[in-house]
Amino acid sequence: MERLTNKEEEVMQALWKLEKGFVKDILAQLPEKQHYNTISTIVRNLEEKGYVAYNAYGKTHQYYPLVSKEEYTKRFMNLAMKRYFNNNYKSMVSFFAKEEKISAEELREILEIIENKK
């Protein structure tokens, strides 16, 4: 599956939240004002990439995601793990601890989750 640009991800976030919607609905969900034609083009690109499909109502299309947010997150995280952390989860957790993005309490919670899965 092809990687998404930042703008495509932004549109997908809106569609995941909406579950289905017209371009005007997607526009309303975006944090910054965007031009209708720009979003329409992005949605068509997402369709070509296999991320969205649509139901046609005359000349209007109602779009919906073909890829779930969970599936995309899993693929994105696996790619990030491979690219930036050499598939080493210890390196990833160490990185976030050094950057002070994760607390000792959160690490204890993660350990508890891991231990309860065994």
PDB file of N, CA and C in Angstrom:
ATOM      1  N   MET A   1       0.848  -1.180   0.000  1.00  0.00           N
ATOM      2  CA  MET A   1       0.000   0.000   0.000  1.00  0.00           C
ATOM      3  C   MET A   1       0.890   1.238   0.000  1.00  0.00           C
ATOM      4  N   GLU A   2       0.542   2.176  -0.845  1.00  0.00           N
ATOM      5  CA  GLU A   2       1.326   3.386  -1.026  1.00  0.00           C
ATOM      6  C   GLU A   2       1.233   4.306   0.197  1.00  0.00           C
ATOM      7  N   ARG A   3       2.355   4.933   0.534  1.00  0.00           N
ATOM      8  CA  ARG A   3       2.417   5.857   1.665  1.00  0.00           C
ATOM      9  C   ARG A   3       1.641   7.129   1.332  1.00  0.00           C
ATOM     10  N   LEU A   4       1.066   7.752   2.358  1.00  0.00           N
ATOM     11  CA  LEU A   4       0.276   8.963   2.170  1.00  0.00           C
ATOM     12  C   LEU A   4       1.098  10.214   2.469  1.00  0.00           C
ATOM     13  N   THR A   5       0.769  11.291   1.771  1.00  0.00           N
ATOM     14  CA  THR A   5       1.368  12.588   2.075  1.00  0.00           C
ATOM     15  C   THR A   5       0.693  13.130   3.339  1.00  0.00           C
ATOM     16  N   ASN A   6       1.252  14.193   3.900  1.00  0.00           N
ATOM     17  CA  ASN A   6       0.651  14.804   5.093  1.00  0.00           C
ATOM     18  C   ASN A   6      -0.771  15.279   4.821  1.00  0.00           C
ATOM     19  N   LYS A   7      -1.002  15.887   3.672  1.00  0.00           N
ATOM     20  CA  LYS A   7      -2.353  16.371   3.324  1.00  0.00           C
ATOM     21  C   LYS A   7      -3.321  15.200   3.147  1.00  0.00           C
ATOM     22  N   GLU A   8      -2.849  14.119   2.521  1.00  0.00           N
ATOM     23  CA  GLU A   8      -3.694  12.929   2.357  1.00  0.00           C
ATOM     24  C   GLU A   8      -4.047  12.334   3.713  1.00  0.00           C
ATOM     25  N   GLU A   9      -3.080  12.284   4.619  1.00  0.00           N
ATOM     26  CA  GLU A   9      -3.350  11.771   5.963  1.00  0.00           C
ATOM     27  C   GLU A   9      -4.377  12.638   6.674  1.00  0.00           C
ATOM     28  N   GLU A  10      -4.266  13.950   6.493  1.00  0.00           N
ATOM     29  CA  GLU A  10      -5.208  14.878   7.105  1.00  0.00           C
ATOM     30  C   GLU A  10      -6.634  14.611   6.604  1.00  0.00           C
ATOM     31  N   VAL A  11      -6.769  14.370   5.313  1.00  0.00           N
ATOM     32  CA  VAL A  11      -8.077  14.065   4.731  1.00  0.00           C
ATOM     33  C   VAL A  11      -8.575  12.712   5.247  1.00  0.00           C
ATOM     34  N   MET A  12      -7.684  11.733   5.331  1.00  0.00           N
ATOM     35  CA  MET A  12      -8.088  10.424   5.860  1.00  0.00           C
ATOM     36  C   MET A  12      -8.537  10.535   7.310  1.00  0.00           C
ATOM     37  N   GLN A  13      -7.850  11.347   8.113  1.00  0.00           N
ATOM     38  CA  GLN A  13      -8.271  11.538   9.511  1.00  0.00           C
ATOM     39  C   GLN A  13      -9.711  12.052   9.559  1.00  0.00           C
ATOM     40  N   ALA A  14     -10.012  12.998   8.685  1.00  0.00           N
ATOM     41  CA  ALA A  14     -11.373  13.546   8.624  1.00  0.00           C
ATOM     42  C   ALA A  14     -12.372  12.465   8.211  1.00  0.00           C
ATOM     43  N   LEU A  15     -12.014  11.665   7.201  1.00  0.00           N
ATOM     44  CA  LEU A  15     -12.924  10.605   6.734  1.00  0.00           C
ATOM     45  C   LEU A  15     -13.113   9.514   7.787  1.00  0.00           C
ATOM     46  N   TRP A  16     -12.052   9.160   8.494  1.00  0.00           N
ATOM     47  CA  TRP A  16     -12.199   8.158   9.561  1.00  0.00           C
ATOM     48  C   TRP A  16     -13.159   8.674  10.628  1.00  0.00           C
ATOM     49  N   LYS A  17     -13.059   9.951  10.921  1.00  0.00           N
ATOM     50  CA  LYS A  17     -13.948  10.540  11.930  1.00  0.00           C
ATOM     51  C   LYS A  17     -15.395  10.565  11.424  1.00  0.00           C
ATOM     52  N   LEU A  18     -15.578  10.936  10.163  1.00  0.00           N
ATOM     53  CA  LEU A  18     -16.910  11.025   9.573  1.00  0.00           C
ATOM     54  C   LEU A  18     -17.523   9.654   9.264  1.00  0.00           C
ATOM     55  N   GLU A  19     -16.673   8.691   8.919  1.00  0.00           N
ATOM     56  CA  GLU A  19     -17.036   7.359   8.427  1.00  0.00           C
ATOM     57  C   GLU A  19     -17.463   7.387   6.963  1.00  0.00           C
ATOM     58  N   LYS A  20     -18.155   8.435   6.548  1.00  0.00           N
ATOM     59  CA  LYS A  20     -18.445   8.667   5.133  1.00  0.00           C
ATOM     60  C   LYS A  20     -18.839  10.128   4.988  1.00  0.00           C
ATOM     61  N   GLY A  21     -18.526  10.698   3.816  1.00  0.00           N
ATOM     62  CA  GLY A  21     -18.869  12.104   3.651  1.00  0.00           C
ATOM     63  C   GLY A  21     -18.554  12.632   2.270  1.00  0.00           C
ATOM     64  N   PHE A  22     -19.177  13.736   1.968  1.00  0.00           N
ATOM     65  CA  PHE A  22     -18.928  14.459   0.728  1.00  0.00           C
ATOM     66  C   PHE A  22     -17.725  15.378   0.944  1.00  0.00           C
ATOM     67  N   VAL A  23     -17.169  15.910  -0.131  1.00  0.00           N
ATOM     68  CA  VAL A  23     -16.002  16.784  -0.007  1.00  0.00           C
ATOM     69  C   VAL A  23     -16.306  17.940   0.950  1.00  0.00           C
ATOM     70  N   LYS A  24     -17.507  18.505   0.883  1.00  0.00           N
ATOM     71  CA  LYS A  24     -17.860  19.626   1.776  1.00  0.00           C
ATOM     72  C   LYS A  24     -17.823  19.200   3.246  1.00  0.00           C
ATOM     73  N   ASP A  25     -18.176  17.940   3.527  1.00  0.00           N
ATOM     74  CA  ASP A  25     -18.125  17.424   4.903  1.00  0.00           C
ATOM     75  C   ASP A  25     -16.674  17.293   5.370  1.00  0.00           C
ATOM     76  N   ILE A  26     -15.835  16.810   4.465  1.00  0.00           N
ATOM     77  CA  ILE A  26     -14.411  16.663   4.779  1.00  0.00           C
ATOM     78  C   ILE A  26     -13.809  18.037   5.046  1.00  0.00           C
ATOM     79  N   LEU A  27     -14.131  19.002   4.186  1.00  0.00           N
ATOM     80  CA  LEU A  27     -13.649  20.378   4.365  1.00  0.00           C
ATOM     81  C   LEU A  27     -13.996  20.913   5.754  1.00  0.00           C
ATOM     82  N   ALA A  28     -15.198  20.644   6.198  1.00  0.00           N
ATOM     83  CA  ALA A  28     -15.659  21.138   7.496  1.00  0.00           C
ATOM     84  C   ALA A  28     -14.876  20.535   8.663  1.00  0.00           C
ATOM     85  N   GLN A  29     -14.292  19.348   8.464  1.00  0.00           N
ATOM     86  CA  GLN A  29     -13.540  18.667   9.517  1.00  0.00           C
ATOM     87  C   GLN A  29     -12.087  19.121   9.602  1.00  0.00           C
ATOM     88  N   LEU A  30     -11.584  19.734   8.543  1.00  0.00           N
ATOM     89  CA  LEU A  30     -10.167  20.091   8.494  1.00  0.00           C
ATOM     90  C   LEU A  30      -9.883  21.308   9.371  1.00  0.00           C
ATOM     91  N   PRO A  31      -8.733  21.294  10.069  1.00  0.00           N
ATOM     92  CA  PRO A  31      -8.425  22.389  10.991  1.00  0.00           C
ATOM     93  C   PRO A  31      -8.159  23.730  10.290  1.00  0.00           C
ATOM     94  N   GLU A  32      -7.598  23.690   9.096  1.00  0.00           N
ATOM     95  CA  GLU A  32      -7.310  24.920   8.354  1.00  0.00           C
ATOM     96  C   GLU A  32      -8.233  25.005   7.147  1.00  0.00           C
ATOM     97  N   LYS A  33      -8.597  26.223   6.784  1.00  0.00           N
ATOM     98  CA  LYS A  33      -9.453  26.426   5.615  1.00  0.00           C
ATOM     99  C   LYS A  33      -8.706  25.971   4.364  1.00  0.00           C
ATOM    100  N   GLN A  34      -9.347  25.147   3.567  1.00  0.00           N
ATOM    101  CA  GLN A  34      -8.769  24.615   2.338  1.00  0.00           C
ATOM    102  C   GLN A  34      -9.715  24.922   1.185  1.00  0.00           C
ATOM    103  N   HIS A  35      -9.190  24.906  -0.003  1.00  0.00           N
ATOM    104  CA  HIS A  35     -10.013  25.130  -1.187  1.00  0.00           C
ATOM    105  C   HIS A  35     -10.712  23.821  -1.565  1.00  0.00           C
ATOM    106  N   TYR A  36     -11.963  23.897  -1.933  1.00  0.00           N
ATOM    107  CA  TYR A  36     -12.771  22.732  -2.299  1.00  0.00           C
ATOM    108  C   TYR A  36     -12.069  21.875  -3.352  1.00  0.00           C
ATOM    109  N   ASN A  37     -11.573  22.503  -4.422  1.00  0.00           N
ATOM    110  CA  ASN A  37     -10.945  21.747  -5.517  1.00  0.00           C
ATOM    111  C   ASN A  37      -9.686  21.009  -5.055  1.00  0.00           C
ATOM    112  N   THR A  38      -8.941  21.608  -4.131  1.00  0.00           N
ATOM    113  CA  THR A  38      -7.741  20.959  -3.599  1.00  0.00           C
ATOM    114  C   THR A  38      -8.120  19.669  -2.879  1.00  0.00           C
ATOM    115  N   ILE A  39      -9.120  19.739  -2.020  1.00  0.00           N
ATOM    116  CA  ILE A  39      -9.552  18.557  -1.260  1.00  0.00           C
ATOM    117  C   ILE A  39     -10.158  17.523  -2.194  1.00  0.00           C
ATOM    118  N   SER A  40     -10.909  17.973  -3.182  1.00  0.00           N
ATOM    119  CA  SER A  40     -11.484  17.056  -4.160  1.00  0.00           C
ATOM    120  C   SER A  40     -10.379  16.282  -4.882  1.00  0.00           C
ATOM    121  N   THR A  41      -9.315  16.962  -5.255  1.00  0.00           N
ATOM    122  CA  THR A  41      -8.173  16.311  -5.924  1.00  0.00           C
ATOM    123  C   THR A  41      -7.493  15.315  -4.991  1.00  0.00           C
ATOM    124  N   ILE A  42      -7.307  15.699  -3.740  1.00  0.00           N
ATOM    125  CA  ILE A  42      -6.672  14.798  -2.762  1.00  0.00           C
ATOM    126  C   ILE A  42      -7.521  13.540  -2.577  1.00  0.00           C
ATOM    127  N   VAL A  43      -8.830  13.713  -2.485  1.00  0.00           N
ATOM    128  CA  VAL A  43      -9.723  12.557  -2.304  1.00  0.00           C
ATOM    129  C   VAL A  43      -9.642  11.631  -3.519  1.00  0.00           C
ATOM    130  N   ARG A  44      -9.583  12.195  -4.707  1.00  0.00           N
ATOM    131  CA  ARG A  44      -9.454  11.360  -5.915  1.00  0.00           C
ATOM    132  C   ARG A  44      -8.106  10.617  -5.924  1.00  0.00           C
ATOM    133  N   ASN A  45      -7.050  11.277  -5.434  1.00  0.00           N
ATOM    134  CA  ASN A  45      -5.750  10.603  -5.313  1.00  0.00           C
ATOM    135  C   ASN A  45      -5.841   9.447  -4.318  1.00  0.00           C
ATOM    136  N   LEU A  46      -6.545   9.666  -3.225  1.00  0.00           N
ATOM    137  CA  LEU A  46      -6.728   8.605  -2.228  1.00  0.00           C
ATOM    138  C   LEU A  46      -7.509   7.432  -2.816  1.00  0.00           C
ATOM    139  N   GLU A  47      -8.445   7.748  -3.685  1.00  0.00           N
ATOM    140  CA  GLU A  47      -9.205   6.696  -4.366  1.00  0.00           C
ATOM    141  C   GLU A  47      -8.271   5.886  -5.270  1.00  0.00           C
ATOM    142  N   GLU A  48      -7.435   6.575  -6.037  1.00  0.00           N
ATOM    143  CA  GLU A  48      -6.481   5.891  -6.927  1.00  0.00           C
ATOM    144  C   GLU A  48      -5.506   5.018  -6.142  1.00  0.00           C
ATOM    145  N   LYS A  49      -5.140   5.447  -4.953  1.00  0.00           N
ATOM    146  CA  LYS A  49      -4.207   4.699  -4.108  1.00  0.00           C
ATOM    147  C   LYS A  49      -4.892   3.544  -3.373  1.00  0.00           C
ATOM    148  N   GLY A  50      -6.221   3.475  -3.454  1.00  0.00           N
ATOM    149  CA  GLY A  50      -6.948   2.377  -2.823  1.00  0.00           C
ATOM    150  C   GLY A  50      -7.338   2.621  -1.381  1.00  0.00           C
ATOM    151  N   TYR A  51      -7.303   3.867  -0.943  1.00  0.00           N
ATOM    152  CA  TYR A  51      -7.648   4.185   0.442  1.00  0.00           C
ATOM    153  C   TYR A  51      -9.119   4.524   0.625  1.00  0.00           C
ATOM    154  N   VAL A  52      -9.762   5.049  -0.415  1.00  0.00           N
ATOM    155  CA  VAL A  52     -11.173   5.409  -0.305  1.00  0.00           C
ATOM    156  C   VAL A  52     -11.946   4.923  -1.529  1.00  0.00           C
ATOM    157  N   ALA A  53     -13.244   4.826  -1.357  1.00  0.00           N
ATOM    158  CA  ALA A  53     -14.164   4.525  -2.450  1.00  0.00           C
ATOM    159  C   ALA A  53     -15.337   5.494  -2.284  1.00  0.00           C
ATOM    160  N   TYR A  54     -16.296   5.415  -3.183  1.00  0.00           N
ATOM    161  CA  TYR A  54     -17.426   6.340  -3.085  1.00  0.00           C
ATOM    162  C   TYR A  54     -18.709   5.706  -3.590  1.00  0.00           C
ATOM    163  N   ASN A  55     -19.795   6.309  -3.137  1.00  0.00           N
ATOM    164  CA  ASN A  55     -21.131   6.052  -3.669  1.00  0.00           C
ATOM    165  C   ASN A  55     -21.497   7.291  -4.471  1.00  0.00           C
ATOM    166  N   ALA A  56     -21.961   7.081  -5.697  1.00  0.00           N
ATOM    167  CA  ALA A  56     -22.322   8.210  -6.556  1.00  0.00           C
ATOM    168  C   ALA A  56     -23.804   8.541  -6.390  1.00  0.00           C
ATOM    169  N   TYR A  57     -24.061   9.830  -6.256  1.00  0.00           N
ATOM    170  CA  TYR A  57     -25.422  10.350  -6.207  1.00  0.00           C
ATOM    171  C   TYR A  57     -25.491  11.434  -7.277  1.00  0.00           C
ATOM    172  N   GLY A  58     -25.840  11.031  -8.474  1.00  0.00           N
ATOM    173  CA  GLY A  58     -25.790  11.961  -9.605  1.00  0.00           C
ATOM    174  C   GLY A  58     -24.338  12.325  -9.870  1.00  0.00           C
ATOM    175  N   LYS A  59     -24.048  13.609  -9.866  1.00  0.00           N
ATOM    176  CA  LYS A  59     -22.674  14.070 -10.087  1.00  0.00           C
ATOM    177  C   LYS A  59     -21.873  14.171  -8.788  1.00  0.00           C
ATOM    178  N   THR A  60     -22.531  13.933  -7.678  1.00  0.00           N
ATOM    179  CA  THR A  60     -21.891  14.060  -6.368  1.00  0.00           C
ATOM    180  C   THR A  60     -21.441  12.694  -5.861  1.00  0.00           C
ATOM    181  N   HIS A  61     -20.294  12.689  -5.176  1.00  0.00           N
ATOM    182  CA  HIS A  61     -19.759  11.446  -4.625  1.00  0.00           C
ATOM    183  C   HIS A  61     -19.658  11.544  -3.111  1.00  0.00           C
ATOM    184  N   GLN A  62     -20.135  10.489  -2.461  1.00  0.00           N
ATOM    185  CA  GLN A  62     -19.970  10.378  -1.014  1.00  0.00           C
ATOM    186  C   GLN A  62     -18.858   9.360  -0.774  1.00  0.00           C
ATOM    187  N   TYR A  63     -17.785   9.812  -0.158  1.00  0.00           N
ATOM    188  CA  TYR A  63     -16.589   8.991   0.021  1.00  0.00           C
ATOM    189  C   TYR A  63     -16.603   8.265   1.357  1.00  0.00           C
ATOM    190  N   TYR A  64     -15.937   7.128   1.388  1.00  0.00           N
ATOM    191  CA  TYR A  64     -15.776   6.376   2.627  1.00  0.00           C
ATOM    192  C   TYR A  64     -14.433   5.644   2.587  1.00  0.00           C
ATOM    193  N   PRO A  65     -13.828   5.430   3.759  1.00  0.00           N
ATOM    194  CA  PRO A  65     -12.505   4.784   3.803  1.00  0.00           C
ATOM    195  C   PRO A  65     -12.599   3.293   3.474  1.00  0.00           C
ATOM    196  N   LEU A  66     -11.599   2.818   2.743  1.00  0.00           N
ATOM    197  CA  LEU A  66     -11.451   1.378   2.498  1.00  0.00           C
ATOM    198  C   LEU A  66     -10.430   0.778   3.462  1.00  0.00           C
ATOM    199  N   VAL A  67      -9.599   1.639   4.016  1.00  0.00           N
ATOM    200  CA  VAL A  67      -8.565   1.223   4.965  1.00  0.00           C
ATOM    201  C   VAL A  67      -8.931   1.823   6.316  1.00  0.00           C
ATOM    202  N   SER A  68      -8.989   0.983   7.351  1.00  0.00           N
ATOM    203  CA  SER A  68      -9.336   1.488   8.675  1.00  0.00           C
ATOM    204  C   SER A  68      -8.169   2.270   9.273  1.00  0.00           C
ATOM    205  N   LYS A  69      -8.494   3.122  10.214  1.00  0.00           N
ATOM    206  CA  LYS A  69      -7.464   3.901  10.903  1.00  0.00           C
ATOM    207  C   LYS A  69      -6.490   2.958  11.614  1.00  0.00           C
ATOM    208  N   GLU A  70      -7.015   1.882  12.186  1.00  0.00           N
ATOM    209  CA  GLU A  70      -6.184   0.921  12.904  1.00  0.00           C
ATOM    210  C   GLU A  70      -5.199   0.233  11.954  1.00  0.00           C
ATOM    211  N   GLU A  71      -5.688  -0.163  10.785  1.00  0.00           N
ATOM    212  CA  GLU A  71      -4.836  -0.824   9.801  1.00  0.00           C
ATOM    213  C   GLU A  71      -3.734   0.120   9.322  1.00  0.00           C
ATOM    214  N   TYR A  72      -4.106   1.363   9.045  1.00  0.00           N
ATOM    215  CA  TYR A  72      -3.113   2.342   8.583  1.00  0.00           C
ATOM    216  C   TYR A  72      -2.088   2.629   9.680  1.00  0.00           C
ATOM    217  N   THR A  73      -2.553   2.782  10.923  1.00  0.00           N
ATOM    218  CA  THR A  73      -1.654   3.042  12.047  1.00  0.00           C
ATOM    219  C   THR A  73      -0.659   1.901  12.203  1.00  0.00           C
ATOM    220  N   LYS A  74      -1.148   0.680  12.090  1.00  0.00           N
ATOM    221  CA  LYS A  74      -0.267  -0.489  12.223  1.00  0.00           C
ATOM    222  C   LYS A  74       0.809  -0.479  11.134  1.00  0.00           C
ATOM    223  N   ARG A  75       0.416  -0.215   9.896  1.00  0.00           N
ATOM    224  CA  ARG A  75       1.383  -0.167   8.797  1.00  0.00           C
ATOM    225  C   ARG A  75       2.384   0.962   8.987  1.00  0.00           C
ATOM    226  N   PHE A  76       1.875   2.144   9.396  1.00  0.00           N
ATOM    227  CA  PHE A  76       2.738   3.304   9.601  1.00  0.00           C
ATOM    228  C   PHE A  76       3.741   3.032  10.721  1.00  0.00           C
ATOM    229  N   MET A  77       3.271   2.460  11.813  1.00  0.00           N
ATOM    230  CA  MET A  77       4.155   2.183  12.952  1.00  0.00           C
ATOM    231  C   MET A  77       5.192   1.117  12.591  1.00  0.00           C
ATOM    232  N   ASN A  78       4.770   0.106  11.858  1.00  0.00           N
ATOM    233  CA  ASN A  78       5.737  -0.915  11.440  1.00  0.00           C
ATOM    234  C   ASN A  78       6.820  -0.310  10.549  1.00  0.00           C
ATOM    235  N   LEU A  79       6.431   0.580   9.658  1.00  0.00           N
ATOM    236  CA  LEU A  79       7.382   1.252   8.783  1.00  0.00           C
ATOM    237  C   LEU A  79       8.319   2.145   9.594  1.00  0.00           C
ATOM    238  N   ALA A  80       7.768   2.900  10.533  1.00  0.00           N
ATOM    239  CA  ALA A  80       8.582   3.770  11.383  1.00  0.00           C
ATOM    240  C   ALA A  80       9.555   2.948  12.221  1.00  0.00           C
ATOM    241  N   MET A  81       9.083   1.834  12.750  1.00  0.00           N
ATOM    242  CA  MET A  81       9.963   0.960  13.549  1.00  0.00           C
ATOM    243  C   MET A  81      11.136   0.474  12.710  1.00  0.00           C
ATOM    244  N   LYS A  82      10.847   0.078  11.491  1.00  0.00           N
ATOM    245  CA  LYS A  82      11.885  -0.438  10.597  1.00  0.00           C
ATOM    246  C   LYS A  82      12.857   0.669  10.199  1.00  0.00           C
ATOM    247  N   ARG A  83      12.308   1.821   9.785  1.00  0.00           N
ATOM    248  CA  ARG A  83      13.135   2.932   9.280  1.00  0.00           C
ATOM    249  C   ARG A  83      13.984   3.602  10.343  1.00  0.00           C
ATOM    250  N   TYR A  84      13.380   3.874  11.496  1.00  0.00           N
ATOM    251  CA  TYR A  84      14.036   4.718  12.487  1.00  0.00           C
ATOM    252  C   TYR A  84      14.607   3.973  13.687  1.00  0.00           C
ATOM    253  N   PHE A  85      14.129   2.766  13.946  1.00  0.00           N
ATOM    254  CA  PHE A  85      14.578   2.058  15.144  1.00  0.00           C
ATOM    255  C   PHE A  85      15.105   0.655  14.851  1.00  0.00           C
ATOM    256  N   ASN A  86      15.336   0.342  13.571  1.00  0.00           N
ATOM    257  CA  ASN A  86      15.889  -0.961  13.182  1.00  0.00           C
ATOM    258  C   ASN A  86      15.076  -2.126  13.743  1.00  0.00           C
ATOM    259  N   ASN A  87      13.756  -1.953  13.802  1.00  0.00           N
ATOM    260  CA  ASN A  87      12.849  -2.960  14.368  1.00  0.00           C
ATOM    261  C   ASN A  87      13.183  -3.313  15.818  1.00  0.00           C
ATOM    262  N   ASN A  88      13.801  -2.379  16.534  1.00  0.00           N
ATOM    263  CA  ASN A  88      14.200  -2.606  17.915  1.00  0.00           C
ATOM    264  C   ASN A  88      13.303  -1.755  18.830  1.00  0.00           C
ATOM    265  N   TYR A  89      12.378  -2.423  19.504  1.00  0.00           N
ATOM    266  CA  TYR A  89      11.426  -1.708  20.350  1.00  0.00           C
ATOM    267  C   TYR A  89      12.100  -1.073  21.558  1.00  0.00           C
ATOM    268  N   LYS A  90      13.150  -1.684  22.049  1.00  0.00           N
ATOM    269  CA  LYS A  90      13.902  -1.101  23.161  1.00  0.00           C
ATOM    270  C   LYS A  90      14.472   0.250  22.740  1.00  0.00           C
ATOM    271  N   SER A  91      14.996   0.329  21.522  1.00  0.00           N
ATOM    272  CA  SER A  91      15.521   1.601  21.009  1.00  0.00           C
ATOM    273  C   SER A  91      14.417   2.647  20.922  1.00  0.00           C
ATOM    274  N   MET A  92      13.236   2.235  20.488  1.00  0.00           N
ATOM    275  CA  MET A  92      12.130   3.169  20.370  1.00  0.00           C
ATOM    276  C   MET A  92      11.726   3.708  21.738  1.00  0.00           C
ATOM    277  N   VAL A  93      11.553   2.829  22.703  1.00  0.00           N
ATOM    278  CA  VAL A  93      11.141   3.254  24.037  1.00  0.00           C
ATOM    279  C   VAL A  93      12.227   4.130  24.663  1.00  0.00           C
ATOM    280  N   SER A  94      13.498   3.761  24.467  1.00  0.00           N
ATOM    281  CA  SER A  94      14.604   4.566  24.986  1.00  0.00           C
ATOM    282  C   SER A  94      14.593   5.959  24.379  1.00  0.00           C
ATOM    283  N   PHE A  95      14.328   6.031  23.083  1.00  0.00           N
ATOM    284  CA  PHE A  95      14.257   7.318  22.397  1.00  0.00           C
ATOM    285  C   PHE A  95      13.207   8.212  23.054  1.00  0.00           C
ATOM    286  N   PHE A  96      12.006   7.685  23.268  1.00  0.00           N
ATOM    287  CA  PHE A  96      10.936   8.484  23.856  1.00  0.00           C
ATOM    288  C   PHE A  96      11.233   8.842  25.314  1.00  0.00           C
ATOM    289  N   ALA A  97      11.897   7.943  26.040  1.00  0.00           N
ATOM    290  CA  ALA A  97      12.268   8.242  27.423  1.00  0.00           C
ATOM    291  C   ALA A  97      13.298   9.372  27.460  1.00  0.00           C
ATOM    292  N   LYS A  98      14.296   9.309  26.576  1.00  0.00           N
ATOM    293  CA  LYS A  98      15.329  10.357  26.529  1.00  0.00           C
ATOM    294  C   LYS A  98      14.753  11.697  26.111  1.00  0.00           C
ATOM    295  N   GLU A  99      13.773  11.666  25.240  1.00  0.00           N
ATOM    296  CA  GLU A  99      13.131  12.905  24.778  1.00  0.00           C
ATOM    297  C   GLU A  99      12.075  13.393  25.774  1.00  0.00           C
ATOM    298  N   GLU A 100      11.939  12.660  26.874  1.00  0.00           N
ATOM    299  CA  GLU A 100      10.958  12.971  27.916  1.00  0.00           C
ATOM    300  C   GLU A 100       9.534  13.009  27.379  1.00  0.00           C
ATOM    301  N   LYS A 101       9.254  12.088  26.455  1.00  0.00           N
ATOM    302  CA  LYS A 101       7.917  11.967  25.874  1.00  0.00           C
ATOM    303  C   LYS A 101       7.116  10.865  26.558  1.00  0.00           C
ATOM    304  N   ILE A 102       7.783  10.123  27.430  1.00  0.00           N
ATOM    305  CA  ILE A 102       7.115   9.044  28.152  1.00  0.00           C
ATOM    306  C   ILE A 102       7.618   9.065  29.593  1.00  0.00           C
ATOM    307  N   SER A 103       6.696   8.890  30.523  1.00  0.00           N
ATOM    308  CA  SER A 103       7.059   8.948  31.945  1.00  0.00           C
ATOM    309  C   SER A 103       7.314   7.548  32.494  1.00  0.00           C
ATOM    310  N   ALA A 104       7.928   7.519  33.675  1.00  0.00           N
ATOM    311  CA  ALA A 104       8.180   6.247  34.352  1.00  0.00           C
ATOM    312  C   ALA A 104       6.843   5.543  34.645  1.00  0.00           C
ATOM    313  N   GLU A 105       5.831   6.331  35.003  1.00  0.00           N
ATOM    314  CA  GLU A 105       4.514   5.749  35.284  1.00  0.00           C
ATOM    315  C   GLU A 105       3.935   5.090  34.024  1.00  0.00           C
ATOM    316  N   GLU A 106       4.079   5.762  32.880  1.00  0.00           N
ATOM    317  CA  GLU A 106       3.596   5.187  31.624  1.00  0.00           C
ATOM    318  C   GLU A 106       4.374   3.919  31.278  1.00  0.00           C
ATOM    319  N   LEU A 107       5.670   3.912  31.542  1.00  0.00           N
ATOM    320  CA  LEU A 107       6.471   2.703  31.299  1.00  0.00           C
ATOM    321  C   LEU A 107       6.013   1.556  32.192  1.00  0.00           C
ATOM    322  N   ARG A 108       5.682   1.855  33.441  1.00  0.00           N
ATOM    323  CA  ARG A 108       5.165   0.813  34.345  1.00  0.00           C
ATOM    324  C   ARG A 108       3.849   0.254  33.803  1.00  0.00           C
ATOM    325  N   GLU A 109       2.983   1.145  33.281  1.00  0.00           N
ATOM    326  CA  GLU A 109       1.715   0.697  32.705  1.00  0.00           C
ATOM    327  C   GLU A 109       1.950  -0.205  31.498  1.00  0.00           C
ATOM    328  N   ILE A 110       2.935   0.147  30.680  1.00  0.00           N
ATOM    329  CA  ILE A 110       3.280  -0.677  29.510  1.00  0.00           C
ATOM    330  C   ILE A 110       3.785  -2.040  29.970  1.00  0.00           C
ATOM    331  N   LEU A 111       4.644  -2.060  30.984  1.00  0.00           N
ATOM    332  CA  LEU A 111       5.145  -3.331  31.521  1.00  0.00           C
ATOM    333  C   LEU A 111       4.003  -4.195  32.035  1.00  0.00           C
ATOM    334  N   GLU A 112       3.045  -3.574  32.688  1.00  0.00           N
ATOM    335  CA  GLU A 112       1.884  -4.304  33.207  1.00  0.00           C
ATOM    336  C   GLU A 112       1.086  -4.923  32.048  1.00  0.00           C
ATOM    337  N   ILE A 113       0.899  -4.171  30.985  1.00  0.00           N
ATOM    338  CA  ILE A 113       0.199  -4.704  29.806  1.00  0.00           C
ATOM    339  C   ILE A 113       0.934  -5.904  29.240  1.00  0.00           C
ATOM    340  N   ILE A 114       2.268  -5.771  29.121  1.00  0.00           N
ATOM    341  CA  ILE A 114       3.084  -6.866  28.573  1.00  0.00           C
ATOM    342  C   ILE A 114       2.999  -8.093  29.471  1.00  0.00           C
ATOM    343  N   GLU A 115       3.129  -7.871  30.767  1.00  0.00           N
ATOM    344  CA  GLU A 115       3.107  -9.000  31.716  1.00  0.00           C
ATOM    345  C   GLU A 115       1.746  -9.683  31.751  1.00  0.00           C
ATOM    346  N   ASN A 116       0.684  -8.939  31.600  1.00  0.00           N
ATOM    347  CA  ASN A 116      -0.670  -9.532  31.612  1.00  0.00           C
ATOM    348  C   ASN A 116      -0.995 -10.298  30.355  1.00  0.00           C
ATOM    349  N   LYS A 117      -0.255 -10.044  29.265  1.00  0.00           N
ATOM    350  CA  LYS A 117      -0.483 -10.765  28.001  1.00  0.00           C
ATOM    351  C   LYS A 117       0.172 -12.136  28.028  1.00  0.00           C
ATOM    352  N   LYS A 118       1.111 -12.347  28.924  1.00  0.00           N
ATOM    353  CA  LYS A 118       1.838 -13.630  28.969  1.00  0.00           C
ATOM    354  C   LYS A 118       1.027 -14.692  29.645  1.00  0.00           C
TER     355      LYS A 118
END
